[in-house]
Amino acid sequence: MKLTESQDKTIKLLNPWWDGYSVELGVERVNYLSRISDFLSKKNEILFLLGSRRVGKTRIIFQTIHKLITEGVATNKILFLSLDNTNLDKFNWYEYIIESSFDYVFLDEIQYSQKWAQNLKSLFDLPSKKMKIVCSGSSSKLIEDDKAFLTGRNTNISVTPLDFNEFLTFTNSNQDVKDYLFYGGYPEYILEKEPNYLNDLVRDIIEKDIAKVHKVKNTQYLFDICQLLSKQIGFRGSSNKIANVLKLDNKTVENYIQYLKEARLVEVIYQYSDSLNKRLYSPKKYYFNDLGMRNRFAGFSDKGSLVENAVYLKLAKTYGSENIFYLNGVRGDEVDFIVKLDNEKIILVESKYNNSQTAIENSLSKLFFKGVHDREIIKRIVVTNGIDTVLQKNNIKLDLVSLNKFLRNTK
């Protein structure tokens, strides 16, 4: 296919390794590189790296390309295209690829390309083309709506803000966990600490990834809902209350919260129950997917709620957000988190950011010591402020774990 001068120049600039040049790799995201490498060597599917804006997806792609080159893959066999580049607006990447001989194709911000899913399906199904394809995307709504075309042909990896271990690697230090609670896990923000960084980021997410996709006219409501949710971390809430405060109808608020979830700003967890109706219609609990972003709305305040948010993020990354619930008793007592495992087993987790063992023991609800729907409880964990010990209470074993140790645990 014939390229315009602008397209040809842009593609060459996006692929400097063709001419022997390198790109800025930053700090390696080792866990993601390992998973991607394993996928590329074993699977014949399209891989999607999904995550919010500026979470590091593009950098991970460059790190993957560098790894392939060091392993001996010829540089001219690797193609990287940034599909949100304005110089490639009218570029037919599908035609360009089928007329080339690339072994690895990386398509960044795939959702900006029209009919991307249909084109990927056609590309994947071509018998003469057996290249490995990796795509990234920031808008889960646009990605998921179109991925039906690719059923059975794709796998997702969710790219999240840095966890505490990655935070320590990026800062090259043994910084106190309080720094992680304050800054959160957006890589550029941690390294540069630009005061307006999170303001600019949340504006981009709301205006570009939500308002444009869902045709939201008054984006201030989305900012207001984030503000309200940031003050409710750890508490059961309902869209009705938010609707009353903002003088909106309940359905609109529910939709707006769903948009925020799709954009990976907030996460919603449900009451643990065998009844689907109870899970869906019971009050929800809300957490932010980044601690720094939560602080952008609520300030660095209410340390207990902030720590509970950090505990949620660790559990979600370890076990999957779809397996994290809370439990509420008939008398209003509560267990912060229930982790659902395979084979009907569960873990109970309480966030008690206190450095007094006596105070922690006295604050635990009776529900924490009871059985849960005949499930096997394999562990009861209490996250503390500096206490690491195992104790017996009511003939039940409790693992008291300091927040620092809990967040650094790699299991």
Protein backbone atom coordinates (compact mmCIF):
# COMPACT_ATOMS: atom_id res chain seq x y z
CA MET A 1 0.00 0.00 0.00
CA LYS A 2 1.18 3.52 -0.70
CA LEU A 3 1.84 5.66 2.38
CA THR A 4 1.69 9.42 2.53
CA GLU A 5 4.92 11.14 3.49
CA SER A 6 3.44 11.97 6.90
CA GLN A 7 2.32 8.39 7.54
CA ASP A 8 5.67 6.94 6.50
CA LYS A 9 7.57 9.37 8.73
CA THR A 10 5.26 8.75 11.70
CA ILE A 11 5.51 4.95 11.46
CA LYS A 12 9.31 5.13 11.32
CA LEU A 13 9.37 7.42 14.36
CA LEU A 14 7.12 4.97 16.23
CA ASN A 15 9.50 2.10 15.41
CA PRO A 16 13.02 3.48 16.06
CA TRP A 17 14.47 -0.04 16.52
CA TRP A 18 14.19 -0.49 12.73
CA ASP A 19 17.08 1.98 12.43
CA GLY A 20 19.01 0.73 15.45
CA TYR A 21 17.71 3.28 17.94
CA SER A 22 16.26 2.52 21.36
CA VAL A 23 13.32 3.96 23.27
CA GLU A 24 13.02 5.04 26.90
CA LEU A 25 12.11 1.89 28.81
CA GLY A 26 11.66 3.23 32.32
CA VAL A 27 11.44 0.86 35.29
CA GLU A 28 10.61 -2.71 34.32
CA ARG A 29 7.15 -3.99 35.28
CA VAL A 30 8.58 -7.48 35.80
CA ASN A 31 5.31 -9.23 36.60
CA TYR A 32 3.63 -8.03 33.40
CA LEU A 33 6.67 -8.77 31.24
CA SER A 34 6.74 -12.33 32.55
CA ARG A 35 3.04 -12.88 31.87
CA ILE A 36 3.22 -11.37 28.38
CA SER A 37 6.32 -13.38 27.50
CA ASP A 38 4.66 -16.57 28.70
CA PHE A 39 1.57 -15.75 26.67
CA LEU A 40 3.49 -15.00 23.47
CA SER A 41 5.41 -18.26 23.72
CA LYS A 42 2.43 -20.51 24.45
CA LYS A 43 -0.81 -18.98 23.14
CA ASN A 44 -2.11 -18.34 19.66
CA GLU A 45 -4.56 -15.60 20.62
CA ILE A 46 -4.78 -11.81 20.56
CA LEU A 47 -3.63 -10.31 23.84
CA PHE A 48 -5.28 -7.18 25.26
CA LEU A 49 -3.57 -5.01 27.87
CA LEU A 50 -6.40 -3.08 29.50
CA GLY A 51 -6.08 -0.31 32.06
CA SER A 52 -6.75 3.33 32.76
CA ARG A 53 -4.90 6.18 31.10
CA ARG A 54 -1.23 6.66 32.07
CA VAL A 55 -1.12 3.44 34.03
CA GLY A 56 1.93 2.33 32.02
CA LYS A 57 0.55 0.14 29.22
CA THR A 58 2.61 1.74 26.44
CA ARG A 59 5.80 1.52 28.50
CA ILE A 60 5.13 -2.18 29.14
CA ILE A 61 4.74 -2.69 25.39
CA PHE A 62 8.11 -1.02 24.75
CA GLN A 63 9.69 -3.19 27.45
CA THR A 64 8.21 -6.27 25.77
CA ILE A 65 9.59 -5.21 22.39
CA HIS A 66 13.03 -4.64 23.94
CA LYS A 67 12.88 -8.11 25.48
CA LEU A 68 12.00 -9.69 22.14
CA ILE A 69 14.93 -7.93 20.45
CA THR A 70 17.38 -9.05 23.15
CA GLU A 71 16.10 -12.60 22.65
CA GLY A 72 17.03 -12.45 18.98
CA VAL A 73 13.87 -11.36 17.15
CA ALA A 74 14.80 -9.28 14.10
CA THR A 75 13.92 -5.63 14.58
CA ASN A 76 12.17 -5.40 11.20
CA LYS A 77 9.78 -8.15 12.29
CA ILE A 78 8.26 -6.00 15.07
CA LEU A 79 5.63 -3.32 14.40
CA PHE A 80 4.31 -0.78 16.90
CA LEU A 81 1.45 1.58 16.02
CA SER A 82 -0.08 4.21 18.28
CA LEU A 83 -3.63 4.48 16.95
CA ASP A 84 -4.41 7.69 18.80
CA ASN A 85 -1.69 9.45 16.82
CA THR A 86 -3.42 12.13 14.74
CA ASN A 87 -1.04 11.55 11.83
CA LEU A 88 -2.50 8.04 11.50
CA ASP A 89 -6.17 9.09 11.53
CA LYS A 90 -6.87 7.80 8.02
CA PHE A 91 -4.20 5.12 8.00
CA ASN A 92 -5.41 1.63 7.00
CA TRP A 93 -3.34 -0.43 9.41
CA TYR A 94 -5.06 -3.66 8.44
CA GLU A 95 -4.05 -3.32 4.79
CA TYR A 96 -0.54 -2.22 5.79
CA ILE A 97 -0.06 -5.29 8.01
CA ILE A 98 -1.36 -7.89 5.54
CA GLU A 99 1.01 -6.51 2.91
CA SER A 100 3.98 -6.77 5.30
CA SER A 101 5.79 -9.65 6.99
CA PHE A 102 5.79 -8.76 10.68
CA ASP A 103 5.98 -11.52 13.29
CA TYR A 104 4.89 -9.29 16.18
CA VAL A 105 2.32 -6.50 15.96
CA PHE A 106 1.60 -4.09 18.83
CA LEU A 107 -1.44 -1.81 18.47
CA ASP A 108 -1.62 0.85 21.17
CA GLU A 109 -4.98 2.45 22.11
CA ILE A 110 -6.84 0.19 19.71
CA GLN A 111 -10.24 1.71 20.54
CA TYR A 112 -9.39 4.83 18.52
CA SER A 113 -9.50 2.83 15.29
CA GLN A 114 -12.86 2.30 13.57
CA LYS A 115 -13.93 -1.32 13.04
CA TRP A 116 -10.85 -2.46 14.94
CA ALA A 117 -12.44 -5.68 16.18
CA GLN A 118 -13.60 -6.74 12.72
CA ASN A 119 -10.16 -5.98 11.31
CA LEU A 120 -8.42 -7.92 14.08
CA LYS A 121 -10.69 -10.91 13.47
CA SER A 122 -9.92 -10.84 9.76
CA LEU A 123 -6.21 -10.50 10.46
CA PHE A 124 -6.21 -13.30 13.01
CA ASP A 125 -8.13 -15.66 10.72
CA LEU A 126 -5.85 -15.23 7.72
CA PRO A 127 -4.14 -18.64 7.21
CA SER A 128 -1.05 -17.01 5.72
CA LYS A 129 -0.51 -14.66 8.68
CA LYS A 130 0.51 -16.23 11.99
CA MET A 131 1.87 -13.17 13.74
CA LYS A 132 1.52 -12.48 17.46
CA ILE A 133 -0.82 -9.54 18.15
CA VAL A 134 -0.87 -7.43 21.32
CA CYS A 135 -3.32 -4.55 21.75
CA SER A 136 -3.79 -1.98 24.48
CA GLY A 137 -6.87 0.03 25.41
CA SER A 138 -7.96 2.60 27.98
CA SER A 139 -11.72 2.50 27.45
CA SER A 140 -13.10 -0.80 28.68
CA LYS A 141 -16.56 0.17 27.39
CA LEU A 142 -15.37 0.56 23.81
CA ILE A 143 -13.21 -2.55 24.05
CA GLU A 144 -15.78 -4.88 25.62
CA ASP A 145 -18.63 -3.75 23.36
CA ASP A 146 -16.72 -4.74 20.24
CA LYS A 147 -14.81 -7.78 21.47
CA ALA A 148 -17.75 -10.08 20.69
CA PHE A 149 -16.21 -10.32 17.23
CA LEU A 150 -13.16 -11.93 18.84
CA THR A 151 -14.82 -14.56 21.04
CA GLY A 152 -12.41 -17.44 21.51
CA ARG A 153 -9.58 -15.47 19.97
CA ASN A 154 -8.42 -13.20 22.80
CA THR A 155 -7.09 -12.98 26.35
CA ASN A 156 -6.98 -9.97 28.68
CA ILE A 157 -4.34 -8.78 31.11
CA SER A 158 -5.47 -5.97 33.39
CA VAL A 159 -2.76 -3.35 33.97
CA THR A 160 -3.26 -1.59 37.29
CA PRO A 161 -1.49 1.27 39.07
CA LEU A 162 1.64 0.18 40.91
CA ASP A 163 1.18 -2.02 43.94
CA PHE A 164 3.34 -1.40 47.00
CA ASN A 165 6.18 -3.68 45.86
CA GLU A 166 6.31 -1.95 42.47
CA PHE A 167 6.12 1.42 44.23
CA LEU A 168 9.27 0.55 46.19
CA THR A 169 11.02 -0.53 42.99
CA PHE A 170 10.09 2.68 41.18
CA THR A 171 11.23 4.89 44.06
CA ASN A 172 14.35 2.74 44.57
CA SER A 173 13.99 2.93 48.31
CA ASN A 174 12.44 1.41 51.40
CA GLN A 175 10.01 4.27 51.76
CA ASP A 176 7.41 4.11 54.46
CA VAL A 177 4.04 2.67 53.50
CA LYS A 178 2.55 6.10 54.27
CA ASP A 179 4.21 7.45 51.11
CA TYR A 180 2.41 4.79 49.08
CA LEU A 181 -0.87 5.67 50.78
CA PHE A 182 -0.30 9.31 49.87
CA TYR A 183 0.96 9.09 46.27
CA GLY A 184 -0.74 5.93 45.04
CA GLY A 185 0.49 4.07 41.98
CA TYR A 186 0.46 6.11 38.77
CA PRO A 187 4.07 5.72 37.57
CA GLU A 188 4.67 9.26 36.23
CA TYR A 189 3.13 10.88 39.29
CA ILE A 190 5.33 8.86 41.63
CA LEU A 191 8.48 9.77 39.73
CA GLU A 192 7.74 13.43 39.01
CA LYS A 193 5.30 14.37 41.82
CA GLU A 194 3.85 17.14 39.66
CA PRO A 195 1.13 18.76 41.81
CA ASN A 196 -1.44 19.06 38.99
CA TYR A 197 -0.79 15.63 37.51
CA LEU A 198 -3.82 13.87 38.99
CA ASN A 199 -6.08 16.85 38.24
CA ASP A 200 -5.13 16.68 34.57
CA LEU A 201 -5.44 12.90 34.51
CA VAL A 202 -8.91 12.70 36.03
CA ARG A 203 -10.08 15.43 33.67
CA ASP A 204 -8.81 13.45 30.69
CA ILE A 205 -10.44 10.26 31.92
CA ILE A 206 -13.81 11.88 32.58
CA GLU A 207 -13.94 14.04 29.48
CA LYS A 208 -12.33 11.68 26.95
CA ASP A 209 -13.08 8.17 28.21
CA ILE A 210 -16.51 8.78 29.72
CA ALA A 211 -18.21 11.92 28.39
CA LYS A 212 -17.41 11.26 24.73
CA VAL A 213 -18.31 7.58 24.89
CA HIS A 214 -21.54 7.98 26.84
CA LYS A 215 -22.55 11.45 25.61
CA VAL A 216 -22.53 12.95 29.11
CA LYS A 217 -23.30 16.65 28.77
CA ASN A 218 -22.62 17.86 32.32
CA THR A 219 -19.34 16.26 33.41
CA GLN A 220 -19.42 18.10 36.75
CA TYR A 221 -21.79 15.44 38.05
CA LEU A 222 -19.09 12.81 37.45
CA PHE A 223 -16.58 14.86 39.45
CA ASP A 224 -19.18 15.34 42.19
CA ILE A 225 -19.90 11.62 42.41
CA CYS A 226 -16.17 10.90 42.71
CA GLN A 227 -16.01 13.45 45.50
CA LEU A 228 -18.88 11.80 47.37
CA LEU A 229 -17.56 8.26 46.87
CA SER A 230 -14.12 9.27 48.13
CA LYS A 231 -15.72 10.16 51.47
CA GLN A 232 -17.58 6.82 51.68
CA ILE A 233 -14.63 4.43 51.43
CA GLY A 234 -15.33 1.44 53.69
CA PHE A 235 -18.97 2.33 54.25
CA ARG A 236 -22.02 0.77 52.67
CA GLY A 237 -23.67 3.27 50.38
CA SER A 238 -26.43 3.57 47.85
CA SER A 239 -26.96 5.48 44.66
CA ASN A 240 -30.21 6.80 46.15
CA LYS A 241 -28.34 8.88 48.73
CA ILE A 242 -26.03 10.32 46.09
CA ALA A 243 -29.01 11.04 43.85
CA ASN A 244 -30.70 12.96 46.67
CA VAL A 245 -27.59 15.06 47.31
CA LEU A 246 -27.08 15.90 43.63
CA LYS A 247 -30.79 16.14 42.84
CA LEU A 248 -30.51 13.57 40.07
CA ASP A 249 -32.65 10.52 39.44
CA ASN A 250 -31.32 7.25 40.83
CA LYS A 251 -30.90 5.55 37.46
CA THR A 252 -28.68 8.37 36.21
CA VAL A 253 -26.44 8.06 39.27
CA GLU A 254 -26.23 4.28 38.83
CA ASN A 255 -25.20 4.79 35.22
CA TYR A 256 -22.58 7.40 36.15
CA ILE A 257 -21.06 5.08 38.77
CA GLN A 258 -20.91 2.33 36.15
CA TYR A 259 -19.12 4.71 33.77
CA LEU A 260 -16.56 5.51 36.49
CA LYS A 261 -16.07 1.78 37.00
CA GLU A 262 -15.60 1.17 33.28
CA ALA A 263 -12.97 3.93 33.21
CA ARG A 264 -11.23 2.20 36.13
CA LEU A 265 -11.54 5.13 38.49
CA VAL A 266 -13.67 3.33 41.08
CA GLU A 267 -14.58 -0.24 41.95
CA VAL A 268 -17.82 -1.60 43.39
CA ILE A 269 -18.06 -4.62 45.69
CA TYR A 270 -21.19 -6.48 46.68
CA GLN A 271 -22.63 -8.16 49.73
CA TYR A 272 -21.56 -11.81 49.97
CA SER A 273 -24.62 -13.98 49.53
CA ASP A 274 -25.86 -17.10 47.78
CA SER A 275 -28.80 -15.02 46.57
CA LEU A 276 -28.19 -13.05 43.39
CA ASN A 277 -30.98 -10.63 44.30
CA LYS A 278 -29.40 -9.90 47.67
CA ARG A 279 -26.02 -9.28 46.05
CA LEU A 280 -27.47 -6.92 43.47
CA TYR A 281 -29.90 -4.98 45.65
CA SER A 282 -28.01 -4.74 48.94
CA PRO A 283 -25.98 -1.56 49.55
CA LYS A 284 -22.61 -1.51 47.80
CA LYS A 285 -19.14 -0.55 48.99
CA TYR A 286 -16.95 1.66 46.82
CA TYR A 287 -13.18 1.88 46.49
CA PHE A 288 -10.81 3.83 44.26
CA ASN A 289 -8.48 1.96 41.94
CA ASP A 290 -5.66 4.31 42.91
CA LEU A 291 -4.93 5.75 46.35
CA GLY A 292 -3.49 9.00 45.04
CA MET A 293 -6.63 9.55 42.99
CA ARG A 294 -8.76 8.96 46.08
CA ASN A 295 -6.68 11.56 47.91
CA ARG A 296 -7.14 13.96 45.02
CA PHE A 297 -10.85 14.06 45.89
CA ALA A 298 -10.84 13.50 49.67
CA GLY A 299 -7.47 14.83 50.74
CA PHE A 300 -4.98 12.80 52.77
CA SER A 301 -7.50 12.24 55.54
CA ASP A 302 -9.36 9.44 57.32
CA LYS A 303 -6.37 7.09 57.43
CA GLY A 304 -8.54 4.11 58.39
CA SER A 305 -10.62 4.36 55.21
CA LEU A 306 -7.52 4.92 53.10
CA VAL A 307 -5.86 1.81 54.56
CA GLU A 308 -9.02 -0.21 53.89
CA ASN A 309 -8.85 0.96 50.26
CA ALA A 310 -5.22 -0.21 50.11
CA VAL A 311 -6.21 -3.59 51.55
CA TYR A 312 -8.93 -3.91 48.90
CA LEU A 313 -6.46 -3.14 46.08
CA LYS A 314 -4.09 -5.82 47.33
CA LEU A 315 -6.84 -8.42 47.58
CA ALA A 316 -8.25 -7.50 44.16
CA LYS A 317 -4.85 -7.80 42.49
CA THR A 318 -4.09 -11.11 44.22
CA TYR A 319 -7.44 -12.84 43.86
CA GLY A 320 -9.35 -10.83 41.23
CA SER A 321 -11.85 -8.06 41.97
CA GLU A 322 -14.74 -10.35 41.01
CA ASN A 323 -13.89 -12.55 44.01
CA ILE A 324 -13.94 -9.82 46.67
CA PHE A 325 -17.11 -9.17 48.71
CA TYR A 326 -18.15 -7.78 52.09
CA LEU A 327 -20.42 -9.44 54.65
CA ASN A 328 -23.14 -7.70 56.61
CA GLY A 329 -24.96 -9.35 59.54
CA VAL A 330 -28.59 -9.01 60.57
CA ARG A 331 -27.57 -6.76 63.47
CA GLY A 332 -25.54 -4.45 61.29
CA ASP A 333 -22.14 -5.92 62.16
CA GLU A 334 -19.80 -6.42 59.25
CA VAL A 335 -16.73 -8.19 57.90
CA ASP A 336 -14.74 -5.84 55.66
CA PHE A 337 -13.81 -8.42 53.03
CA ILE A 338 -14.62 -11.97 52.08
CA VAL A 339 -12.31 -13.50 49.48
CA LYS A 340 -13.97 -16.24 47.49
CA LEU A 341 -11.61 -19.06 46.54
CA ASP A 342 -12.09 -22.23 44.55
CA ASN A 343 -13.79 -25.27 46.08
CA GLU A 344 -16.19 -23.21 48.21
CA LYS A 345 -13.40 -21.92 50.45
CA ILE A 346 -13.11 -18.35 51.70
CA ILE A 347 -10.78 -15.97 53.53
CA LEU A 348 -12.04 -13.32 55.95
CA VAL A 349 -10.12 -10.04 56.12
CA GLU A 350 -10.56 -7.12 58.49
CA SER A 351 -8.78 -3.76 58.20
CA LYS A 352 -7.96 -2.45 61.69
CA TYR A 353 -5.28 0.21 61.39
CA ASN A 354 -4.41 0.27 65.09
CA ASN A 355 -1.20 -0.43 67.00
CA SER A 356 -2.95 -1.70 70.14
CA GLN A 357 -3.62 -5.43 70.11
CA THR A 358 -6.22 -5.10 72.86
CA ALA A 359 -8.08 -2.39 70.97
CA ILE A 360 -7.99 -4.49 67.80
CA GLU A 361 -9.37 -7.57 69.55
CA ASN A 362 -12.17 -5.57 71.15
CA SER A 363 -13.15 -3.97 67.83
CA LEU A 364 -13.64 -7.23 65.93
CA SER A 365 -17.29 -8.03 65.31
CA LYS A 366 -18.88 -11.30 66.38
CA LEU A 367 -19.58 -11.95 62.71
CA PHE A 368 -15.84 -12.32 62.13
CA PHE A 369 -15.82 -15.44 64.30
CA LYS A 370 -18.90 -17.12 62.87
CA GLY A 371 -19.31 -19.49 59.95
CA VAL A 372 -20.34 -18.17 56.56
CA HIS A 373 -22.90 -20.13 54.51
CA ASP A 374 -21.24 -23.44 55.37
CA ARG A 375 -18.09 -22.38 53.51
CA GLU A 376 -14.70 -23.52 54.76
CA ILE A 377 -12.89 -20.49 56.21
CA ILE A 378 -9.21 -21.24 55.64
CA LYS A 379 -7.86 -18.04 57.19
CA ARG A 380 -8.91 -14.98 59.18
CA ILE A 381 -6.59 -12.00 58.62
CA VAL A 382 -6.58 -8.71 60.50
CA VAL A 383 -4.48 -5.95 58.91
CA THR A 384 -2.91 -3.75 61.60
CA ASN A 385 -0.68 -0.76 62.17
CA GLY A 386 2.61 -2.52 62.92
CA ILE A 387 1.46 -5.68 64.74
CA ASP A 388 2.52 -9.08 63.39
CA THR A 389 1.40 -12.01 65.49
CA VAL A 390 -0.86 -15.03 65.61
CA LEU A 391 -3.40 -15.33 68.41
CA GLN A 392 -6.32 -17.45 69.49
CA LYS A 393 -9.63 -15.82 70.33
CA ASN A 394 -12.78 -17.81 71.01
CA ASN A 395 -10.78 -20.90 69.99
CA ILE A 396 -10.28 -19.41 66.54
CA LYS A 397 -6.91 -18.59 65.00
CA LEU A 398 -6.37 -14.99 63.90
CA ASP A 399 -3.44 -13.76 61.81
CA LEU A 400 -2.62 -10.18 62.77
CA VAL A 401 -0.50 -8.74 59.96
CA SER A 402 1.00 -5.27 59.70
CA LEU A 403 -0.08 -3.25 56.69
CA ASN A 404 3.51 -3.09 55.43
CA LYS A 405 3.87 -6.89 55.52
CA PHE A 406 0.40 -7.46 54.08
CA LEU A 407 1.05 -5.21 51.08
CA ARG A 408 4.51 -6.68 50.45
CA ASN A 409 3.30 -10.27 50.56
CA THR A 410 3.74 -11.74 47.07
CA LYS A 411 1.37 -14.68 47.56
